[in-house]
N, C-alpha and C. Protein backbone atom coordinates (compact mmCIF):
# COMPACT_ATOMS: atom_id res chain seq x y z
N UNK A 1 11.59 4.48 -10.23
CA UNK A 1 11.04 4.51 -8.90
C UNK A 1 11.28 3.15 -8.24
N UNK A 2 11.73 3.17 -7.00
CA UNK A 2 11.92 1.93 -6.24
C UNK A 2 10.59 1.53 -5.61
N UNK A 3 10.21 0.27 -5.83
CA UNK A 3 8.92 -0.23 -5.36
C UNK A 3 9.11 -1.49 -4.55
N UNK A 4 8.18 -1.71 -3.61
CA UNK A 4 8.06 -3.00 -2.94
C UNK A 4 6.67 -3.52 -3.22
N UNK A 5 6.56 -4.83 -3.31
CA UNK A 5 5.28 -5.46 -3.56
C UNK A 5 5.17 -6.69 -2.68
N UNK A 6 3.98 -6.94 -2.17
CA UNK A 6 3.76 -8.13 -1.35
C UNK A 6 2.29 -8.51 -1.43
N UNK A 7 2.02 -9.76 -1.05
CA UNK A 7 0.65 -10.25 -1.03
C UNK A 7 0.53 -11.38 -0.02
N UNK A 8 -0.70 -11.72 0.27
CA UNK A 8 -0.94 -12.97 0.98
C UNK A 8 -1.16 -14.04 -0.08
N UNK A 9 -1.59 -15.21 0.34
CA UNK A 9 -1.82 -16.31 -0.60
C UNK A 9 -2.89 -15.99 -1.64
N UNK A 10 -3.93 -15.29 -1.23
CA UNK A 10 -5.03 -14.97 -2.16
C UNK A 10 -4.58 -14.02 -3.26
N UNK A 11 -3.60 -13.18 -2.95
CA UNK A 11 -3.11 -12.22 -3.93
C UNK A 11 -1.87 -12.66 -4.67
N UNK A 12 -1.38 -13.87 -4.38
CA UNK A 12 -0.10 -14.32 -4.92
C UNK A 12 -0.05 -14.26 -6.45
N UNK A 13 -1.01 -14.83 -7.13
CA UNK A 13 -0.97 -14.85 -8.60
C UNK A 13 -1.00 -13.44 -9.18
N UNK A 14 -1.89 -12.59 -8.68
CA UNK A 14 -1.94 -11.21 -9.18
C UNK A 14 -0.65 -10.47 -8.86
N UNK A 15 -0.09 -10.71 -7.70
CA UNK A 15 1.20 -10.07 -7.35
C UNK A 15 2.26 -10.45 -8.37
N UNK A 16 2.30 -11.72 -8.74
CA UNK A 16 3.29 -12.17 -9.72
C UNK A 16 3.09 -11.46 -11.06
N UNK A 17 1.83 -11.32 -11.47
CA UNK A 17 1.53 -10.65 -12.73
C UNK A 17 1.92 -9.17 -12.68
N UNK A 18 1.60 -8.51 -11.58
CA UNK A 18 1.94 -7.09 -11.44
C UNK A 18 3.45 -6.91 -11.40
N UNK A 19 4.14 -7.73 -10.63
CA UNK A 19 5.60 -7.61 -10.52
C UNK A 19 6.27 -7.86 -11.88
N UNK A 20 5.80 -8.87 -12.60
CA UNK A 20 6.35 -9.14 -13.93
C UNK A 20 6.14 -7.96 -14.86
N UNK A 21 4.94 -7.39 -14.83
CA UNK A 21 4.66 -6.22 -15.65
C UNK A 21 5.61 -5.07 -15.29
N UNK A 22 5.75 -4.79 -14.01
CA UNK A 22 6.59 -3.68 -13.58
C UNK A 22 8.04 -3.88 -14.01
N UNK A 23 8.52 -5.09 -13.87
CA UNK A 23 9.89 -5.38 -14.30
C UNK A 23 10.04 -5.21 -15.81
N UNK A 24 9.00 -5.56 -16.57
CA UNK A 24 9.05 -5.38 -18.03
C UNK A 24 9.09 -3.90 -18.40
N UNK A 25 8.66 -3.05 -17.46
CA UNK A 25 8.69 -1.60 -17.66
C UNK A 25 9.93 -0.97 -17.03
N UNK A 26 10.90 -1.81 -16.70
CA UNK A 26 12.17 -1.37 -16.13
C UNK A 26 12.04 -0.73 -14.75
N UNK A 27 11.01 -1.10 -14.02
CA UNK A 27 10.84 -0.61 -12.65
C UNK A 27 11.69 -1.47 -11.71
N UNK A 28 12.20 -0.84 -10.67
CA UNK A 28 12.99 -1.51 -9.63
C UNK A 28 12.00 -2.04 -8.59
N UNK A 29 11.74 -3.35 -8.61
CA UNK A 29 10.70 -3.95 -7.77
C UNK A 29 11.33 -4.99 -6.85
N UNK A 30 11.06 -4.84 -5.56
CA UNK A 30 11.47 -5.85 -4.58
C UNK A 30 10.23 -6.59 -4.12
N UNK A 31 10.22 -7.90 -4.31
CA UNK A 31 9.10 -8.76 -3.93
C UNK A 31 9.33 -9.24 -2.51
N UNK A 32 8.42 -8.89 -1.60
CA UNK A 32 8.55 -9.25 -0.20
C UNK A 32 7.73 -10.48 0.18
N UNK A 33 7.18 -11.19 -0.81
CA UNK A 33 6.38 -12.39 -0.54
C UNK A 33 4.91 -12.06 -0.67
N UNK A 34 4.09 -13.00 -0.48
CA UNK A 34 4.28 -14.42 -0.22
C UNK A 34 4.90 -15.08 -1.46
N UNK A 35 5.45 -16.25 -1.21
CA UNK A 35 6.17 -16.93 -2.27
C UNK A 35 5.42 -18.11 -2.86
N UNK A 36 4.16 -18.26 -2.47
CA UNK A 36 3.32 -19.32 -3.03
C UNK A 36 1.87 -19.02 -2.67
N UNK A 37 0.99 -19.87 -3.12
CA UNK A 37 -0.43 -19.72 -2.81
C UNK A 37 -0.81 -20.49 -1.54
N UNK A 38 0.18 -20.95 -0.79
CA UNK A 38 -0.10 -21.62 0.49
C UNK A 38 -0.57 -20.57 1.50
N UNK A 39 -1.55 -20.91 2.33
CA UNK A 39 -2.13 -19.93 3.27
C UNK A 39 -1.10 -19.24 4.18
N UNK A 40 -1.19 -17.94 4.22
CA UNK A 40 -0.37 -17.07 5.09
C UNK A 40 -1.28 -15.96 5.60
N UNK A 41 -0.76 -15.12 6.47
CA UNK A 41 -1.54 -14.05 7.08
C UNK A 41 -1.17 -12.69 6.50
N UNK A 42 -2.16 -11.99 5.94
CA UNK A 42 -1.91 -10.71 5.27
C UNK A 42 -1.28 -9.66 6.17
N UNK A 43 -1.53 -9.60 7.49
CA UNK A 43 -0.88 -8.55 8.28
C UNK A 43 0.65 -8.62 8.23
N UNK A 44 1.20 -9.83 8.11
CA UNK A 44 2.66 -9.97 8.04
C UNK A 44 3.22 -9.27 6.80
N UNK A 45 2.51 -9.36 5.70
CA UNK A 45 2.98 -8.77 4.45
C UNK A 45 2.70 -7.27 4.40
N UNK A 46 1.61 -6.84 5.01
CA UNK A 46 1.34 -5.41 5.13
C UNK A 46 2.44 -4.75 5.95
N UNK A 47 2.84 -5.40 7.03
CA UNK A 47 3.91 -4.84 7.86
C UNK A 47 5.24 -4.83 7.11
N UNK A 48 5.51 -5.86 6.34
CA UNK A 48 6.76 -5.90 5.57
C UNK A 48 6.84 -4.73 4.58
N UNK A 49 5.74 -4.45 3.90
CA UNK A 49 5.72 -3.32 2.97
C UNK A 49 5.91 -2.01 3.74
N UNK A 50 5.19 -1.84 4.84
CA UNK A 50 5.32 -0.62 5.64
C UNK A 50 6.72 -0.41 6.16
N UNK A 51 7.32 -1.47 6.67
CA UNK A 51 8.70 -1.36 7.20
C UNK A 51 9.68 -0.97 6.09
N UNK A 52 9.52 -1.56 4.92
CA UNK A 52 10.41 -1.24 3.80
C UNK A 52 10.30 0.23 3.41
N UNK A 53 9.08 0.74 3.37
CA UNK A 53 8.89 2.15 3.02
C UNK A 53 9.49 3.06 4.09
N UNK A 54 9.23 2.76 5.34
CA UNK A 54 9.73 3.60 6.43
C UNK A 54 11.25 3.56 6.52
N UNK A 55 11.86 2.44 6.11
CA UNK A 55 13.31 2.31 6.12
C UNK A 55 13.97 2.96 4.91
N UNK A 56 13.15 3.42 3.96
CA UNK A 56 13.69 4.07 2.77
C UNK A 56 14.13 3.09 1.68
N UNK A 57 13.75 1.82 1.81
CA UNK A 57 14.12 0.82 0.81
C UNK A 57 13.33 1.00 -0.49
N UNK A 58 12.22 1.72 -0.41
CA UNK A 58 11.38 1.97 -1.58
C UNK A 58 10.62 3.27 -1.38
N UNK A 59 10.13 3.80 -2.49
CA UNK A 59 9.36 5.03 -2.44
C UNK A 59 7.86 4.77 -2.34
N UNK A 60 7.42 3.65 -2.92
CA UNK A 60 6.01 3.28 -2.87
C UNK A 60 5.88 1.77 -2.79
N UNK A 61 4.68 1.35 -2.34
CA UNK A 61 4.44 -0.07 -2.23
C UNK A 61 3.12 -0.46 -2.85
N UNK A 62 3.03 -1.74 -3.17
CA UNK A 62 1.80 -2.34 -3.68
C UNK A 62 1.54 -3.57 -2.83
N UNK A 63 0.31 -3.67 -2.35
CA UNK A 63 -0.06 -4.73 -1.43
C UNK A 63 -1.34 -5.38 -1.95
N UNK A 64 -1.38 -6.70 -1.98
CA UNK A 64 -2.51 -7.41 -2.57
C UNK A 64 -2.96 -8.53 -1.63
N UNK A 65 -4.27 -8.56 -1.35
CA UNK A 65 -4.87 -9.69 -0.66
C UNK A 65 -6.16 -10.03 -1.39
N UNK A 66 -6.99 -10.88 -0.82
CA UNK A 66 -8.20 -11.31 -1.52
C UNK A 66 -9.12 -10.16 -1.86
N UNK A 67 -9.56 -9.41 -0.86
CA UNK A 67 -10.46 -8.28 -1.09
C UNK A 67 -9.72 -6.95 -1.11
N UNK A 68 -8.55 -6.92 -0.50
CA UNK A 68 -7.81 -5.69 -0.31
C UNK A 68 -8.12 -5.01 1.01
N UNK A 69 -9.23 -5.37 1.61
CA UNK A 69 -9.67 -4.70 2.83
C UNK A 69 -8.73 -5.00 4.00
N UNK A 70 -8.48 -6.26 4.26
CA UNK A 70 -7.63 -6.61 5.40
C UNK A 70 -6.24 -6.04 5.29
N UNK A 71 -5.63 -6.14 4.12
CA UNK A 71 -4.29 -5.60 3.92
C UNK A 71 -4.28 -4.09 4.10
N UNK A 72 -5.32 -3.42 3.65
CA UNK A 72 -5.43 -1.98 3.81
C UNK A 72 -5.53 -1.60 5.29
N UNK A 73 -6.37 -2.30 6.02
CA UNK A 73 -6.52 -2.02 7.45
C UNK A 73 -5.18 -2.22 8.15
N UNK A 74 -4.52 -3.34 7.88
CA UNK A 74 -3.25 -3.64 8.55
C UNK A 74 -2.18 -2.61 8.21
N UNK A 75 -2.04 -2.26 6.95
CA UNK A 75 -1.01 -1.30 6.54
C UNK A 75 -1.23 0.07 7.17
N UNK A 76 -2.49 0.47 7.28
CA UNK A 76 -2.79 1.79 7.83
C UNK A 76 -2.60 1.88 9.34
N UNK A 77 -2.29 0.79 9.98
CA UNK A 77 -1.95 0.82 11.41
C UNK A 77 -0.53 1.31 11.64
N UNK A 78 0.27 1.35 10.60
CA UNK A 78 1.67 1.75 10.71
C UNK A 78 1.77 3.26 10.50
N UNK A 79 2.21 3.99 11.53
CA UNK A 79 2.35 5.45 11.37
C UNK A 79 3.25 5.79 10.18
N UNK A 80 2.78 6.69 9.35
CA UNK A 80 3.53 7.10 8.17
C UNK A 80 3.13 6.37 6.91
N UNK A 81 2.35 5.33 7.06
CA UNK A 81 1.86 4.60 5.89
C UNK A 81 0.45 5.10 5.59
N UNK A 82 0.24 5.42 4.32
CA UNK A 82 -1.06 5.86 3.85
C UNK A 82 -1.43 4.93 2.70
N UNK A 83 -2.17 3.88 3.06
CA UNK A 83 -2.54 2.85 2.09
C UNK A 83 -3.94 3.11 1.58
N UNK A 84 -4.10 3.06 0.27
CA UNK A 84 -5.40 3.27 -0.34
C UNK A 84 -5.85 2.04 -1.10
N UNK A 85 -7.01 1.52 -0.73
CA UNK A 85 -7.63 0.41 -1.46
C UNK A 85 -8.35 1.02 -2.66
N UNK A 86 -7.94 0.64 -3.85
CA UNK A 86 -8.50 1.25 -5.06
C UNK A 86 -9.06 0.20 -6.00
N UNK A 87 -10.21 0.57 -6.59
CA UNK A 87 -10.86 -0.27 -7.59
C UNK A 87 -11.09 0.49 -8.90
N UNK A 88 -10.65 1.75 -8.94
CA UNK A 88 -10.84 2.56 -10.15
C UNK A 88 -9.63 3.47 -10.31
N UNK A 89 -9.36 3.88 -11.54
CA UNK A 89 -8.16 4.67 -11.82
C UNK A 89 -8.23 6.06 -11.19
N UNK A 90 -9.42 6.63 -11.10
CA UNK A 90 -9.53 7.95 -10.47
C UNK A 90 -9.00 7.90 -9.04
N UNK A 91 -9.44 6.91 -8.27
CA UNK A 91 -8.98 6.80 -6.88
C UNK A 91 -7.49 6.52 -6.80
N UNK A 92 -6.98 5.73 -7.73
CA UNK A 92 -5.55 5.38 -7.71
C UNK A 92 -4.67 6.61 -7.92
N UNK A 93 -5.04 7.50 -8.83
CA UNK A 93 -4.20 8.69 -9.02
C UNK A 93 -4.58 9.80 -8.05
N UNK A 94 -5.85 9.97 -7.77
CA UNK A 94 -6.28 11.03 -6.85
C UNK A 94 -5.78 10.74 -5.44
N UNK A 95 -5.69 9.47 -5.07
CA UNK A 95 -5.17 9.12 -3.75
C UNK A 95 -3.75 9.60 -3.55
N UNK A 96 -2.96 9.58 -4.61
CA UNK A 96 -1.59 10.11 -4.54
C UNK A 96 -1.63 11.63 -4.58
N UNK A 97 -2.37 12.20 -5.55
CA UNK A 97 -2.38 13.65 -5.75
C UNK A 97 -2.89 14.42 -4.54
N UNK A 98 -3.93 13.91 -3.89
CA UNK A 98 -4.55 14.62 -2.76
C UNK A 98 -4.12 14.10 -1.40
N UNK A 99 -4.00 12.77 -1.28
CA UNK A 99 -3.77 12.15 0.03
C UNK A 99 -2.37 11.60 0.20
N UNK A 100 -1.56 11.73 -0.83
CA UNK A 100 -0.17 11.27 -0.81
C UNK A 100 -0.05 9.82 -0.36
N UNK A 101 -0.96 8.96 -0.87
CA UNK A 101 -0.85 7.55 -0.49
C UNK A 101 0.49 7.00 -0.98
N UNK A 102 1.07 6.15 -0.16
CA UNK A 102 2.34 5.55 -0.54
C UNK A 102 2.22 4.04 -0.75
N UNK A 103 1.04 3.50 -0.51
CA UNK A 103 0.77 2.08 -0.77
C UNK A 103 -0.55 1.96 -1.53
N UNK A 104 -0.49 1.28 -2.66
CA UNK A 104 -1.70 0.93 -3.41
C UNK A 104 -2.11 -0.47 -2.97
N UNK A 105 -3.35 -0.61 -2.54
CA UNK A 105 -3.85 -1.91 -2.13
C UNK A 105 -4.88 -2.39 -3.15
N UNK A 106 -4.74 -3.65 -3.54
CA UNK A 106 -5.61 -4.24 -4.55
C UNK A 106 -6.24 -5.52 -4.00
N UNK A 107 -7.45 -5.80 -4.44
CA UNK A 107 -8.14 -7.03 -4.09
C UNK A 107 -8.11 -8.00 -5.25
N UNK A 108 -7.37 -9.07 -5.11
CA UNK A 108 -7.20 -10.03 -6.20
C UNK A 108 -8.49 -10.76 -6.56
N UNK A 109 -9.39 -10.89 -5.60
CA UNK A 109 -10.66 -11.57 -5.87
C UNK A 109 -11.74 -10.60 -6.35
N UNK A 110 -11.35 -9.34 -6.48
CA UNK A 110 -12.29 -8.29 -6.88
C UNK A 110 -11.95 -7.76 -8.27
N UNK A 111 -10.66 -7.71 -8.58
CA UNK A 111 -10.18 -7.11 -9.83
C UNK A 111 -9.62 -8.16 -10.78
N UNK A 112 -9.75 -7.90 -12.05
CA UNK A 112 -9.03 -8.69 -13.04
C UNK A 112 -7.63 -8.13 -13.21
N UNK A 113 -6.77 -8.89 -13.83
CA UNK A 113 -5.38 -8.49 -14.00
C UNK A 113 -5.24 -7.20 -14.81
N UNK A 114 -6.02 -7.04 -15.86
CA UNK A 114 -5.89 -5.84 -16.70
C UNK A 114 -6.27 -4.57 -15.94
N UNK A 115 -7.35 -4.63 -15.18
CA UNK A 115 -7.73 -3.46 -14.37
C UNK A 115 -6.68 -3.21 -13.31
N UNK A 116 -6.15 -4.25 -12.69
CA UNK A 116 -5.11 -4.08 -11.69
C UNK A 116 -3.91 -3.34 -12.28
N UNK A 117 -3.52 -3.70 -13.48
CA UNK A 117 -2.38 -3.03 -14.13
C UNK A 117 -2.71 -1.57 -14.45
N UNK A 118 -3.94 -1.29 -14.84
CA UNK A 118 -4.33 0.11 -15.07
C UNK A 118 -4.22 0.91 -13.77
N UNK A 119 -4.64 0.32 -12.66
CA UNK A 119 -4.57 1.00 -11.37
C UNK A 119 -3.11 1.24 -10.98
N UNK A 120 -2.27 0.27 -11.20
CA UNK A 120 -0.84 0.41 -10.89
C UNK A 120 -0.25 1.54 -11.73
N UNK A 121 -0.58 1.58 -13.01
CA UNK A 121 -0.06 2.65 -13.88
C UNK A 121 -0.52 4.02 -13.39
N UNK A 122 -1.79 4.14 -13.02
CA UNK A 122 -2.33 5.42 -12.53
C UNK A 122 -1.65 5.82 -11.23
N UNK A 123 -1.46 4.88 -10.32
CA UNK A 123 -0.79 5.12 -9.03
C UNK A 123 0.64 5.60 -9.24
N UNK A 124 1.37 4.94 -10.11
CA UNK A 124 2.78 5.29 -10.31
C UNK A 124 2.97 6.57 -11.10
N UNK A 125 2.02 6.91 -11.95
CA UNK A 125 2.13 8.13 -12.76
C UNK A 125 1.78 9.39 -11.97
N UNK A 126 1.11 9.22 -10.85
CA UNK A 126 0.62 10.38 -10.09
C UNK A 126 1.69 10.91 -9.14
N UNK A 127 1.58 12.21 -8.85
CA UNK A 127 2.45 12.88 -7.89
C UNK A 127 1.59 13.68 -6.93
N UNK A 128 2.05 13.79 -5.70
CA UNK A 128 1.35 14.60 -4.71
C UNK A 128 1.32 16.05 -5.18
N UNK A 129 0.15 16.68 -5.13
CA UNK A 129 0.01 18.05 -5.64
C UNK A 129 0.70 19.07 -4.76
N UNK A 130 0.79 18.80 -3.47
CA UNK A 130 1.39 19.76 -2.55
C UNK A 130 0.51 20.96 -2.26
N UNK A 131 -0.71 20.95 -2.75
CA UNK A 131 -1.63 22.07 -2.50
C UNK A 131 -1.80 22.26 -0.99
N UNK A 132 -1.96 23.51 -0.60
CA UNK A 132 -2.04 23.83 0.83
C UNK A 132 -3.12 23.04 1.54
N UNK A 133 -4.29 22.91 0.93
CA UNK A 133 -5.38 22.19 1.59
C UNK A 133 -5.03 20.72 1.81
N UNK A 134 -4.28 20.13 0.89
CA UNK A 134 -3.89 18.73 1.04
C UNK A 134 -2.79 18.57 2.09
N UNK A 135 -1.85 19.50 2.11
CA UNK A 135 -0.81 19.48 3.15
C UNK A 135 -1.45 19.64 4.54
N UNK A 136 -2.41 20.55 4.65
CA UNK A 136 -3.10 20.78 5.92
C UNK A 136 -3.80 19.50 6.39
N UNK A 137 -4.48 18.84 5.49
CA UNK A 137 -5.20 17.61 5.84
C UNK A 137 -4.24 16.49 6.24
N UNK A 138 -3.13 16.39 5.54
CA UNK A 138 -2.13 15.38 5.90
C UNK A 138 -1.51 15.68 7.26
N UNK A 139 -1.31 16.95 7.58
CA UNK A 139 -0.81 17.31 8.91
C UNK A 139 -1.80 16.88 9.98
N UNK A 140 -3.09 17.00 9.69
CA UNK A 140 -4.10 16.55 10.66
C UNK A 140 -4.06 15.03 10.82
N UNK A 141 -3.83 14.31 9.75
CA UNK A 141 -3.71 12.85 9.84
C UNK A 141 -2.49 12.49 10.69
N UNK A 142 -1.39 13.16 10.45
CA UNK A 142 -0.18 12.91 11.25
C UNK A 142 -0.44 13.21 12.72
N UNK A 143 -1.16 14.27 13.01
CA UNK A 143 -1.48 14.61 14.40
C UNK A 143 -2.34 13.52 15.05
N UNK A 144 -3.27 12.96 14.29
CA UNK A 144 -4.08 11.86 14.81
C UNK A 144 -3.18 10.67 15.13
N UNK A 145 -2.29 10.31 14.20
CA UNK A 145 -1.36 9.20 14.45
C UNK A 145 -0.56 9.44 15.72
N UNK A 146 -0.05 10.64 15.86
CA UNK A 146 0.77 10.95 17.03
C UNK A 146 -0.03 10.85 18.33
N UNK A 147 -1.27 11.32 18.33
CA UNK A 147 -2.10 11.24 19.54
C UNK A 147 -2.34 9.80 19.96
N UNK A 148 -2.59 8.93 18.99
CA UNK A 148 -2.93 7.56 19.31
C UNK A 148 -1.72 6.64 19.44
N UNK A 149 -0.56 7.11 19.08
CA UNK A 149 0.66 6.31 19.25
C UNK A 149 1.31 6.57 20.60
N UNK A 150 0.82 7.55 21.33
CA UNK A 150 1.36 7.84 22.66
C UNK A 150 0.97 6.72 23.61
N UNK A 151 1.91 6.28 24.45
CA UNK A 151 1.54 5.23 25.41
C UNK A 151 0.47 5.77 26.37
N UNK A 152 -0.54 4.96 26.59
CA UNK A 152 -1.61 5.36 27.50
C UNK A 152 -1.12 5.24 28.94
N UNK A 153 -1.30 6.30 29.70
CA UNK A 153 -0.85 6.32 31.09
C UNK A 153 -1.62 5.28 31.90
N UNK A 154 -0.90 4.49 32.65
CA UNK A 154 -1.53 3.52 33.53
C UNK A 154 -2.13 2.33 32.83
N UNK A 155 -1.91 2.21 31.56
CA UNK A 155 -2.51 1.12 30.79
C UNK A 155 -1.65 -0.13 30.95
N UNK A 156 -2.29 -1.22 31.16
CA UNK A 156 -1.54 -2.49 31.22
C UNK A 156 -2.27 -3.55 30.43
N UNK A 157 -1.51 -4.41 29.82
CA UNK A 157 -2.10 -5.50 29.06
C UNK A 157 -2.64 -5.08 27.72
N UNK A 158 -3.15 -6.04 26.98
CA UNK A 158 -3.65 -5.76 25.62
C UNK A 158 -4.94 -4.98 25.59
């Protein structure tokens, strides 16, 4: 499976550990940064992961920041990205099976490295079930994205 991984400064060390683990498992991993623990902004890395997935450069992504919350919020602003912040293995695999998440988000200041690796394994081992109820719900999510991505008539400025 082709993967992309990125983090902000707070997630840098855990990102390195996860990427090293994935490479040891013969996974194709592209590291999109950050490249050090020097302060950077997580939205930049969330967007990089989203762009890579939408461009077809990878099938799934892993995104890491301090809590995971900010990176999750930022990634989910990108239409077509379904990022799930997970702290347990059930959510990591169920998020793929039911919600077809394509980005696993982790909080480096919340999780230890061993739990993070368990979550990554659960995320990568899971497949979307394709059950009708899950497809229906995902269609509704796509419809919401489409409604809110339409330019607002007469709107000017931020």
